[in-house]
Amino acid sequence: MPRKTYARHKGSDKREREIIEAGLACFAEHGYANTTLEDIRLRSGASNGSIYHYFASKEGLAAAIYVEAIADYQKRILDAIERNPQARAGVRAIVRAHLDWVEENPDWARYLMEMRHAPFMATAESAIAEHNREFINAFVTWLNPHLKSGEIRRMGPDIFISLLLGPCQEFVRNWLGGCTQTKLSAAKEELASAAWLVVRGPATAEN
């Protein structure tokens, strides 16, 4: 059986997850180029056999870390809209979930921003595409009724996500770089309120 080159969030077992987390920690501390699989093995406490059972190479593990981050982030967003199905509550919950995830997982957030176009990502493109398809399908299932009702003004899902999370992404980039004066916890409500003002439709213009 061929060794996996990336992890699947739903199927990651305890040892696989430990190796992924150790890899992320090593890359965050020492950089991708300066980290070896032996560093990751020692950090995770795994045997050589365990490392190579899950990952064929450092590149495969690096891609797995990215895929795992995408899956974890998307699950947080979908959980937020499942708990907040209404338009206004859902929009605000998405923004908060985005910022909460970054605050709780700064190394993963940096990794997503910095490694998207790294050469090793070629091995993960199909997994990322699959996660994105599932995410967009679930997201659109929540969004479409609010577009039809006029609670959210009509636009494509890609425009909606850009308007909703574009300002958050810019704030996060500066926050991760230590360039913000406002604490992330304080920014959540401001950005959530602003997002709703931007996307609300005619049926909720007074809210």
Foldseek 3Di string as FASTA:
>chain_A
DDAALADDQVPQDDLNVLLLVLLLVCCLVPNLVRDASVSSCVSSVHDPVSVCNHHVGSLSSLLRNLLNLLLVLLVLLLVQCVVVLDDLSSLLSNLLSNLVSCVVCVSNVVSNVPPCPPPSNVSCVVSNVVSVVVSVVSVCVSVVVCCVVFQWPDDDPVVLCCLSCVVVVVVSVCVSVVNDPDDSVVVSVVSSVNSSCVTGGPVPNPD
